Amino acid sequence: MDALELTTAVRRHRVMAIIRGTSEEAALATGRVLLEEGIRLVEVTLTTPGALATVTALRELAPDDALVGAGTVLTERDVASVVDACGEFIVTPAVTSAVAEAARVGIPCVAGAFTPTEAYAAHVAGAAVVKLFPASGGGPGYLRALRDPFPQISFIAVGGVGISEARAYLTAGAIGAGIGGPLVGDAASGGSLDALRSRARAFASWAEDAGERP
């Protein structure tokens, strides 16, 4: 997996599900349901108990066209831990030392940024995709303005993004959206998996319609 492959996958699948929960067992069950219902990009945040074990387990059961990575990656040590867990990408909430370290070891990174300075710094440090975070702080119009001087940067919108918002961000130039609460809900903390399955089907259907095809 390299930066281009991750960028292509985001363009194709559009939705990156964000699993942030309070239970390892529930997080694993959540990831399994997401994959079963057609979500093909899954991020497990390192703030979730047993996150690395969950990444490893999901990688073993994921379809060939799915990617599983880790989020809230902050340090060089975190990067090494994700690599050891067979994670396929990392996601950071900010431009931290993890961005350059990911580039150094060859694992693609989605780096969090909000301002033009941060977005450019993330890109220069080697981020495959820049995560506009929190996207709700600026909205689609802000993303459109941010993209104008940086046409070489691929952006994904994260933070306060549901289906309707994701559609607007794609129109504004994002290649995809990272979606936590509106998709995962409380499933990763023991909430209803049936409700999760219904939401996942809706997001997967939207992503299929919105995704690019070869």
Protein backbone atom coordinates (compact mmCIF):
# COMPACT_ATOMS: atom_id res chain seq x y z
CA MET A 1 0.00 0.00 0.00
CA ASP A 2 1.39 3.38 -1.00
CA ALA A 3 0.09 6.95 -1.03
CA LEU A 4 -1.36 6.73 -4.53
CA GLU A 5 -3.18 3.49 -3.74
CA LEU A 6 -4.77 5.01 -0.65
CA THR A 7 -5.81 8.14 -2.52
CA THR A 8 -7.32 6.02 -5.28
CA ALA A 9 -9.19 3.92 -2.71
CA VAL A 10 -10.68 7.00 -1.06
CA ARG A 11 -11.79 8.34 -4.44
CA ARG A 12 -13.36 5.00 -5.26
CA HIS A 13 -15.07 4.21 -1.96
CA ARG A 14 -15.69 7.75 -0.67
CA VAL A 15 -16.58 6.81 2.94
CA MET A 16 -13.97 6.19 5.64
CA ALA A 17 -15.74 4.85 8.72
CA ILE A 18 -14.29 6.01 12.04
CA ILE A 19 -14.59 3.55 14.92
CA ARG A 20 -14.09 5.29 18.26
CA GLY A 21 -15.53 3.36 21.18
CA THR A 22 -15.16 2.14 24.73
CA SER A 23 -15.07 -1.62 24.19
CA GLU A 24 -12.67 -3.79 22.19
CA GLU A 25 -15.34 -6.43 21.65
CA ALA A 26 -17.88 -3.86 20.46
CA ALA A 27 -15.32 -2.15 18.22
CA LEU A 28 -14.50 -5.44 16.53
CA ALA A 29 -18.18 -6.27 16.07
CA THR A 30 -18.71 -2.79 14.63
CA GLY A 31 -15.91 -3.21 12.13
CA ARG A 32 -17.23 -6.60 11.08
CA VAL A 33 -20.69 -5.19 10.38
CA LEU A 34 -19.28 -2.24 8.44
CA LEU A 35 -17.25 -4.56 6.22
CA GLU A 36 -20.16 -6.95 5.74
CA GLU A 37 -22.40 -4.10 4.60
CA GLY A 38 -19.98 -2.74 2.01
CA ILE A 39 -17.94 -0.08 3.80
CA ARG A 40 -14.43 -0.51 2.43
CA LEU A 41 -12.34 2.00 4.42
CA VAL A 42 -12.27 1.48 8.17
CA GLU A 43 -10.30 3.50 10.73
CA VAL A 44 -10.00 2.32 14.33
CA THR A 45 -8.87 5.13 16.61
CA LEU A 46 -6.06 4.40 19.06
CA THR A 47 -8.22 5.87 21.83
CA THR A 48 -10.42 2.77 21.55
CA PRO A 49 -9.49 -0.03 23.98
CA GLY A 50 -7.68 -2.82 22.16
CA ALA A 51 -7.46 -0.73 19.00
CA LEU A 52 -4.35 -2.42 17.61
CA ALA A 53 -5.72 -5.91 18.20
CA THR A 54 -8.94 -4.81 16.52
CA VAL A 55 -7.02 -3.54 13.48
CA THR A 56 -5.21 -6.87 13.19
CA ALA A 57 -8.41 -8.88 13.54
CA LEU A 58 -10.31 -6.78 11.00
CA ARG A 59 -7.47 -7.07 8.51
CA GLU A 60 -7.73 -10.85 8.71
CA LEU A 61 -11.43 -10.92 7.90
CA ALA A 62 -11.63 -7.93 5.52
CA PRO A 63 -12.39 -8.47 1.82
CA ASP A 64 -9.54 -7.95 -0.62
CA ASP A 65 -10.82 -4.54 -1.67
CA ALA A 66 -11.09 -3.20 1.90
CA LEU A 67 -8.49 -1.22 3.83
CA VAL A 68 -8.17 -1.11 7.61
CA GLY A 69 -6.06 1.48 9.40
CA ALA A 70 -5.66 3.31 12.68
CA GLY A 71 -6.60 6.84 13.68
CA THR A 72 -5.61 9.35 16.36
CA VAL A 73 -2.00 8.46 15.58
CA LEU A 74 0.23 11.07 17.20
CA THR A 75 3.78 9.84 17.61
CA GLU A 76 6.50 7.90 15.85
CA ARG A 77 5.94 5.10 18.34
CA ASP A 78 2.26 5.02 17.40
CA VAL A 79 3.23 4.62 13.74
CA ALA A 80 5.47 1.67 14.57
CA SER A 81 2.67 0.06 16.58
CA VAL A 82 0.22 0.38 13.71
CA VAL A 83 2.74 -1.13 11.28
CA ASP A 84 3.28 -4.04 13.68
CA ALA A 85 -0.49 -4.53 13.86
CA CYS A 86 -0.66 -4.78 10.04
CA GLY A 87 -2.57 -1.52 9.68
CA GLU A 88 -2.67 -0.32 6.08
CA PHE A 89 -2.82 3.42 6.74
CA ILE A 90 -2.70 5.91 9.58
CA VAL A 91 -4.83 8.97 10.33
CA THR A 92 -3.68 11.88 12.48
CA PRO A 93 -5.78 14.67 14.02
CA ALA A 94 -3.06 17.25 13.35
CA VAL A 95 0.32 17.73 11.67
CA THR A 96 2.44 15.74 14.12
CA SER A 97 5.75 13.90 13.88
CA ALA A 98 3.73 10.84 12.89
CA VAL A 99 3.14 12.29 9.41
CA ALA A 100 6.80 12.39 8.41
CA GLU A 101 7.47 9.09 10.19
CA ALA A 102 4.71 7.39 8.22
CA ALA A 103 6.29 8.65 4.98
CA ARG A 104 9.68 7.41 6.15
CA VAL A 105 8.50 3.86 6.88
CA GLY A 106 6.18 3.68 3.88
CA ILE A 107 2.69 3.58 5.36
CA PRO A 108 0.26 6.08 3.80
CA CYS A 109 -1.05 8.84 6.02
CA VAL A 110 -4.22 10.91 6.18
CA ALA A 111 -3.07 13.99 8.11
CA GLY A 112 -5.38 16.34 9.96
CA ALA A 113 -5.22 20.05 9.15
CA PHE A 114 -7.50 23.08 9.17
CA THR A 115 -5.61 26.15 8.00
CA PRO A 116 -3.80 26.66 4.68
CA THR A 117 -0.46 26.56 6.51
CA GLU A 118 -1.32 23.26 8.17
CA ALA A 119 -2.63 21.71 4.95
CA TYR A 120 0.52 22.60 3.07
CA ALA A 121 2.75 21.42 5.94
CA ALA A 122 0.96 18.07 5.97
CA HIS A 123 1.36 17.69 2.23
CA VAL A 124 5.07 18.56 2.33
CA ALA A 125 5.60 16.14 5.23
CA GLY A 126 4.34 13.32 3.02
CA ALA A 127 0.61 12.98 3.72
CA ALA A 128 -1.23 11.06 1.00
CA VAL A 129 -4.47 12.83 1.86
CA VAL A 130 -5.12 15.91 3.99
CA LYS A 131 -8.02 15.62 6.42
CA LEU A 132 -9.94 18.88 6.78
CA PHE A 133 -10.70 18.70 10.50
CA PRO A 134 -13.02 19.71 11.95
CA ALA A 135 -14.73 20.20 8.60
CA SER A 136 -17.85 21.60 10.27
CA GLY A 137 -15.78 24.55 11.44
CA GLY A 138 -15.55 25.88 7.91
CA GLY A 139 -18.04 23.99 5.80
CA PRO A 140 -17.94 23.12 2.09
CA GLY A 141 -17.32 26.74 1.07
CA TYR A 142 -14.20 26.86 3.21
CA LEU A 143 -12.93 23.63 1.65
CA ARG A 144 -13.53 25.03 -1.83
CA ALA A 145 -11.52 28.13 -0.99
CA LEU A 146 -8.78 26.04 0.62
CA ARG A 147 -8.44 23.88 -2.48
CA ASP A 148 -8.00 26.77 -4.88
CA PRO A 149 -4.30 27.44 -4.09
CA PHE A 150 -3.58 23.73 -3.51
CA PRO A 151 -4.94 21.75 -6.48
CA GLN A 152 -2.22 19.13 -5.88
CA ILE A 153 -3.61 18.23 -2.44
CA SER A 154 -6.31 15.60 -2.01
CA PHE A 155 -8.70 16.52 0.81
CA ILE A 156 -11.08 14.40 2.85
CA ALA A 157 -13.71 16.07 5.06
CA VAL A 158 -13.97 14.86 8.66
CA GLY A 159 -15.95 16.13 11.64
CA GLY A 160 -19.70 16.73 11.64
CA VAL A 161 -20.22 14.99 8.31
CA GLY A 162 -23.28 12.91 7.47
CA ILE A 163 -24.58 11.84 4.05
CA SER A 164 -26.02 15.22 3.08
CA GLU A 165 -22.88 17.04 4.24
CA ALA A 166 -20.63 14.52 2.50
CA ARG A 167 -22.41 15.19 -0.77
CA ALA A 168 -21.76 18.92 -0.39
CA TYR A 169 -18.08 18.38 0.44
CA LEU A 170 -17.61 16.19 -2.62
CA THR A 171 -19.17 18.90 -4.74
CA ALA A 172 -16.70 21.34 -3.16
CA GLY A 173 -13.79 19.13 -4.18
CA ALA A 174 -13.19 16.61 -1.40
CA ILE A 175 -12.32 13.09 -2.57
CA GLY A 176 -14.17 11.50 0.34
CA ALA A 177 -15.46 11.88 3.89
CA GLY A 178 -14.45 10.41 7.22
CA ILE A 179 -17.62 9.60 9.12
CA GLY A 180 -17.91 8.67 12.78
CA GLY A 181 -21.09 9.35 14.74
CA PRO A 182 -23.57 9.62 11.85
CA LEU A 183 -22.48 6.16 10.67
CA VAL A 184 -21.07 4.28 13.66
CA GLY A 185 -23.29 5.84 16.33
CA ASP A 186 -22.83 4.12 19.69
CA ALA A 187 -22.21 0.65 18.23
CA ALA A 188 -18.53 0.67 19.19
CA SER A 189 -19.57 1.23 22.81
CA GLY A 190 -22.13 -1.57 22.88
CA GLY A 191 -25.01 0.03 20.98
CA SER A 192 -27.31 -1.66 18.50
CA LEU A 193 -25.62 -3.52 15.68
CA ASP A 194 -28.90 -3.81 13.83
CA ALA A 195 -29.18 -0.03 13.72
CA LEU A 196 -25.55 0.15 12.63
CA ARG A 197 -26.21 -2.32 9.84
CA SER A 198 -29.04 -0.17 8.53
CA ARG A 199 -26.90 2.99 8.59
CA ALA A 200 -23.99 1.18 6.95
CA ARG A 201 -26.18 0.01 4.09
CA ALA A 202 -27.36 3.57 3.50
CA PHE A 203 -23.82 4.97 3.51
CA ALA A 204 -22.49 2.15 1.33
CA SER A 205 -25.28 2.73 -1.20
CA TRP A 206 -24.55 6.44 -1.29
CA ALA A 207 -20.80 5.80 -1.61
CA GLU A 208 -21.35 3.43 -4.51
CA ASP A 209 -23.35 6.07 -6.34
CA ALA A 210 -20.78 8.77 -5.56
CA GLY A 211 -17.62 6.75 -6.10
CA GLU A 212 -15.39 6.87 -9.13
CA ARG A 213 -15.13 3.73 -11.20
CA PRO A 214 -12.19 2.69 -13.38
